[in-house]
Amino acid sequence: MAMPRLSGGGPRPEPAPRYAVRPQPSTGAAHFSAEYEPRPAAVREARAQVRGQLRRWGLAERGELVDTAELLVSELATRALLQSGSRFRLTLTAAHGVLRCEVEDRGWCGAQSGRGLFLVDAMARRWGCRREGAGRTSWFELETGAFGH
């Protein structure tokens, strides 16, 4: 059985409809960043950090947002561990009704397929992958429905 392929089938240059240049957070935007060791428990830790941080930012009442963010972060973190085997950094930014989640690792942006990216493509408002130095940053955005964060 063939794996589902994302529309376009391969890497796309930024900007494109679902890929965009990273917006800079506005002054006062909620921001969090943490680095994780390359071990399986790191994915669980990153998920818990997402839930806790969204709770601290007052976004926990939107259970669907928290569940979706946790799921998609775990997919990107698992991808980072399986493909790069390196430490990874999770960065969360909430501003103007948008939650942006980024996972930086030592991997590459090659094939844009597989179960994890299929879920990201299906559930995220926008998403992408960009090459940075010796690694990549995979990111997605979700609407929070809250403004000011």
Protein backbone atom coordinates (compact mmCIF):
# COMPACT_ATOMS: atom_id res chain seq x y z
CA MET A 1 0.00 0.00 0.00
CA ALA A 2 1.45 3.37 -0.97
CA MET A 3 2.02 5.98 1.73
CA PRO A 4 -0.11 9.12 1.34
CA ARG A 5 1.86 11.86 -0.33
CA LEU A 6 1.57 15.50 0.51
CA SER A 7 0.33 17.74 -2.23
CA GLY A 8 3.20 18.54 -4.54
CA GLY A 9 5.08 15.38 -3.60
CA GLY A 10 8.37 16.94 -2.63
CA PRO A 11 10.14 19.89 -1.10
CA ARG A 12 8.70 23.26 -1.99
CA PRO A 13 10.52 26.55 -1.95
CA GLU A 14 9.40 29.20 0.51
CA PRO A 15 7.17 31.15 0.15
CA ALA A 16 4.26 29.09 -1.18
CA PRO A 17 0.64 28.93 -0.04
CA ARG A 18 1.28 26.61 2.96
CA TYR A 19 4.88 27.69 3.43
CA ALA A 20 5.80 31.22 4.37
CA VAL A 21 8.70 33.29 5.55
CA ARG A 22 8.93 33.21 9.34
CA PRO A 23 7.16 36.26 10.76
CA GLN A 24 8.95 38.05 13.57
CA PRO A 25 7.08 37.96 16.88
CA SER A 26 5.62 41.29 17.89
CA THR A 27 6.74 43.06 21.01
CA GLY A 28 5.06 41.39 23.95
CA ALA A 29 4.51 38.10 22.12
CA ALA A 30 4.53 35.01 24.33
CA HIS A 31 7.74 33.07 23.69
CA PHE A 32 9.27 29.83 25.02
CA SER A 33 12.29 27.78 23.95
CA ALA A 34 13.92 24.60 25.34
CA GLU A 35 16.54 22.14 24.16
CA TYR A 36 16.22 18.36 24.51
CA GLU A 37 18.72 15.50 24.51
CA PRO A 38 18.45 12.88 21.73
CA ARG A 39 16.54 10.22 23.69
CA PRO A 40 13.01 8.82 23.32
CA ALA A 41 11.79 10.41 26.58
CA ALA A 42 12.51 13.84 25.04
CA VAL A 43 9.40 13.56 22.85
CA ARG A 44 7.21 12.99 25.94
CA GLU A 45 8.94 15.89 27.71
CA ALA A 46 8.35 18.20 24.74
CA ARG A 47 4.65 17.26 24.66
CA ALA A 48 4.30 17.98 28.37
CA GLN A 49 6.10 21.29 27.93
CA VAL A 50 3.67 22.31 25.17
CA ARG A 51 0.66 21.52 27.37
CA GLY A 52 2.14 23.35 30.37
CA GLN A 53 3.19 26.40 28.38
CA LEU A 54 -0.18 26.77 26.68
CA ARG A 55 -1.81 26.50 30.11
CA ARG A 56 0.46 29.29 31.43
CA TRP A 57 -0.46 31.45 28.45
CA GLY A 58 -4.18 30.95 29.12
CA LEU A 59 -4.78 28.83 26.03
CA ALA A 60 -5.58 25.55 27.81
CA GLU A 61 -9.34 26.16 27.70
CA ARG A 62 -9.05 25.44 23.98
CA GLY A 63 -8.51 21.71 24.48
CA GLU A 64 -8.47 21.01 20.76
CA LEU A 65 -5.64 23.51 20.29
CA VAL A 66 -3.57 21.92 23.07
CA ASP A 67 -4.19 18.37 21.81
CA THR A 68 -3.32 19.31 18.23
CA ALA A 69 -0.18 21.23 19.22
CA GLU A 70 0.99 18.31 21.39
CA LEU A 71 0.38 15.79 18.60
CA LEU A 72 2.15 17.82 15.91
CA VAL A 73 5.10 18.72 18.15
CA SER A 74 5.52 15.05 18.98
CA GLU A 75 5.55 14.20 15.25
CA LEU A 76 8.24 16.82 14.51
CA ALA A 77 10.28 15.85 17.59
CA THR A 78 10.11 12.15 16.65
CA ARG A 79 11.19 13.05 13.11
CA ALA A 80 14.13 15.01 14.56
CA LEU A 81 15.24 12.05 16.68
CA LEU A 82 14.83 9.44 13.95
CA GLN A 83 16.39 11.43 11.13
CA SER A 84 19.13 13.39 12.88
CA GLY A 85 19.77 11.63 16.20
CA SER A 86 20.84 15.02 17.56
CA ARG A 87 19.67 17.38 20.26
CA PHE A 88 16.65 19.37 19.18
CA ARG A 89 15.20 22.70 20.21
CA LEU A 90 11.48 23.38 20.61
CA THR A 91 10.37 27.00 20.27
CA LEU A 92 6.81 28.20 20.86
CA THR A 93 5.54 31.67 20.01
CA ALA A 94 1.99 32.94 20.47
CA ALA A 95 0.97 36.29 19.00
CA HIS A 96 -2.02 37.78 17.18
CA GLY A 97 -4.16 34.65 17.38
CA VAL A 98 -1.45 32.30 16.08
CA LEU A 99 0.62 29.65 17.85
CA ARG A 100 3.87 28.89 16.03
CA CYS A 101 5.79 25.74 16.99
CA GLU A 102 9.30 25.11 15.68
CA VAL A 103 11.63 22.13 16.05
CA GLU A 104 15.28 22.72 15.14
CA ASP A 105 17.62 19.76 14.63
CA ARG A 106 20.60 18.59 12.59
CA GLY A 107 18.48 16.91 9.93
CA TRP A 108 17.77 18.00 6.39
CA CYS A 109 14.57 19.15 4.70
CA GLY A 110 14.56 16.43 2.01
CA ALA A 111 11.52 14.21 1.64
CA GLN A 112 8.35 15.90 2.81
CA SER A 113 6.33 12.72 3.25
CA GLY A 114 5.43 10.19 5.89
CA ARG A 115 2.75 9.87 8.54
CA GLY A 116 4.02 12.70 10.74
CA LEU A 117 4.16 15.30 7.99
CA PHE A 118 0.85 14.03 6.59
CA LEU A 119 -0.72 14.92 9.97
CA VAL A 120 1.03 18.29 10.08
CA ASP A 121 -0.18 19.10 6.56
CA ALA A 122 -3.74 18.06 7.41
CA MET A 123 -4.02 19.85 10.76
CA ALA A 124 -1.82 22.96 10.65
CA ARG A 125 -2.85 26.38 9.38
CA ARG A 126 0.55 26.67 7.68
CA TRP A 127 3.78 24.71 7.97
CA GLY A 128 7.18 24.29 6.41
CA CYS A 129 10.80 23.29 6.71
CA ARG A 130 13.80 25.52 6.12
CA ARG A 131 17.51 24.83 6.03
CA GLU A 132 19.56 26.73 8.60
CA GLY A 133 23.31 26.30 8.83
CA ALA A 134 24.06 22.66 9.59
CA GLY A 135 20.44 21.77 10.28
CA ARG A 136 16.80 22.45 9.64
CA THR A 137 13.84 24.05 11.33
CA SER A 138 10.48 22.35 10.85
CA TRP A 139 7.54 24.50 11.92
CA PHE A 140 3.77 24.76 11.93
CA GLU A 141 1.16 27.31 12.93
CA LEU A 142 -2.24 26.86 14.55
CA GLU A 143 -4.94 29.46 15.12
CA THR A 144 -5.48 30.14 18.82
CA GLY A 145 -8.58 32.26 18.53
CA ALA A 146 -6.98 34.57 21.12
CA PHE A 147 -5.58 37.98 20.30
CA GLY A 148 -2.88 39.77 22.22
CA HIS A 149 -0.98 36.48 22.58
